[in-house]
Amino acid sequence: LLAVGKLLSTLAIPTMQTTGFFIVAIVAYLLSMTMINSNRMPKAAGFIGIMAFFLTLIDNITVAIAPGIANLLLMITSFFWVVWLILVGVGLFRAKG
């Protein structure tokens, strides 16, 4: 595991932006796991959030290995994040009422 980390650190140097977004993705993953077990939030939001997290993880790795593919993957990942945020917003409005 350390060897893989060392290899990736030599291929691509993470910036504060990518590190911060990855931390937000981890938090979104934890929230998505909670949403799946909740009756107040849509379960689809939980599954889409988990998919968005794993796509973000794959995208961060792909940036180091194949930057051309990473751009396409980033667009796909962004779509999942937007859908997830909309579903979370709808779920919060429904939970309020």
Protein backbone atom coordinates (compact mmCIF):
# COMPACT_ATOMS: atom_id res chain seq x y z
CA LEU A 1 0.00 0.00 0.00
CA LEU A 2 2.83 2.37 0.79
CA ALA A 3 4.54 1.51 -2.49
CA VAL A 4 1.37 2.31 -4.44
CA GLY A 5 1.03 5.58 -2.57
CA LYS A 6 4.62 6.47 -3.33
CA LEU A 7 4.14 5.63 -7.01
CA LEU A 8 1.01 7.75 -7.26
CA SER A 9 2.67 10.63 -5.46
CA THR A 10 5.43 10.69 -8.08
CA LEU A 11 2.95 10.56 -10.98
CA ALA A 12 0.61 13.34 -9.87
CA ILE A 13 0.98 15.84 -7.07
CA PRO A 14 -2.40 16.50 -5.41
CA THR A 15 -3.37 20.12 -5.00
CA MET A 16 -5.32 21.61 -2.13
CA GLN A 17 -8.39 21.64 -4.38
CA THR A 18 -8.25 17.94 -5.27
CA THR A 19 -7.49 16.98 -1.68
CA GLY A 20 -10.35 19.10 -0.37
CA PHE A 21 -12.80 17.70 -2.89
CA PHE A 22 -11.73 14.17 -2.01
CA ILE A 23 -12.43 14.87 1.68
CA VAL A 24 -15.87 16.23 0.73
CA ALA A 25 -16.44 13.05 -1.31
CA ILE A 26 -15.63 10.92 1.75
CA VAL A 27 -18.16 12.88 3.82
CA ALA A 28 -20.74 12.51 1.03
CA TYR A 29 -20.07 8.76 1.01
CA LEU A 30 -20.78 8.57 4.74
CA LEU A 31 -23.96 10.63 4.31
CA SER A 32 -25.03 8.38 1.45
CA MET A 33 -24.57 5.29 3.59
CA THR A 34 -26.79 6.95 6.20
CA MET A 35 -29.40 7.84 3.57
CA ILE A 36 -29.71 4.22 2.48
CA ASN A 37 -30.60 3.26 6.06
CA SER A 38 -32.94 6.23 6.54
CA ASN A 39 -36.67 6.30 5.88
CA ARG A 40 -36.77 10.07 5.44
CA MET A 41 -34.33 10.42 2.55
CA PRO A 42 -34.68 8.86 -0.90
CA LYS A 43 -32.67 5.67 -1.17
CA ALA A 44 -31.76 6.61 -4.75
CA ALA A 45 -29.80 9.55 -3.34
CA GLY A 46 -27.77 7.16 -1.22
CA PHE A 47 -26.92 4.90 -4.13
CA ILE A 48 -26.07 7.79 -6.45
CA GLY A 49 -23.88 9.35 -3.75
CA ILE A 50 -21.97 6.12 -3.33
CA MET A 51 -21.51 5.86 -7.09
CA ALA A 52 -20.31 9.47 -7.23
CA PHE A 53 -17.79 8.76 -4.47
CA PHE A 54 -16.33 5.74 -6.24
CA LEU A 55 -16.22 7.60 -9.57
CA THR A 56 -14.37 10.43 -7.81
CA LEU A 57 -11.91 7.93 -6.37
CA ILE A 58 -11.36 6.36 -9.79
CA ASP A 59 -11.03 9.81 -11.35
CA ASN A 60 -8.35 10.84 -8.86
CA ILE A 61 -6.36 7.71 -9.67
CA THR A 62 -6.93 8.07 -13.43
CA VAL A 63 -5.53 11.63 -13.39
CA ALA A 64 -2.16 10.14 -12.50
CA ILE A 65 -2.30 7.29 -15.00
CA ALA A 66 -4.30 8.50 -18.02
CA PRO A 67 -5.18 12.22 -17.94
CA GLY A 68 -7.12 12.03 -21.21
CA ILE A 69 -9.59 9.54 -19.78
CA ALA A 70 -9.77 11.51 -16.55
CA ASN A 71 -11.40 14.48 -18.29
CA LEU A 72 -14.23 12.32 -19.62
CA LEU A 73 -14.60 10.62 -16.26
CA LEU A 74 -14.72 14.01 -14.53
CA MET A 75 -17.73 15.04 -16.65
CA ILE A 76 -19.54 11.81 -15.80
CA THR A 77 -18.68 12.18 -12.11
CA SER A 78 -19.91 15.79 -12.09
CA PHE A 79 -23.27 14.66 -13.46
CA PHE A 80 -23.65 12.20 -10.57
CA TRP A 81 -22.73 14.89 -8.03
CA VAL A 82 -25.34 17.30 -9.44
CA VAL A 83 -28.05 14.62 -9.38
CA TRP A 84 -27.03 13.64 -5.84
CA LEU A 85 -27.21 17.25 -4.61
CA ILE A 86 -30.66 17.71 -6.16
CA LEU A 87 -31.93 14.50 -4.55
CA VAL A 88 -30.50 15.54 -1.17
CA GLY A 89 -32.23 18.92 -1.46
CA VAL A 90 -35.56 17.32 -2.34
CA GLY A 91 -35.15 14.85 0.51
CA LEU A 92 -34.44 17.64 2.99
CA PHE A 93 -37.53 19.56 1.89
CA ARG A 94 -39.66 16.44 2.27
CA ALA A 95 -38.17 15.63 5.68
CA LYS A 96 -38.96 19.16 6.86
CA GLY A 97 -42.68 18.80 6.14
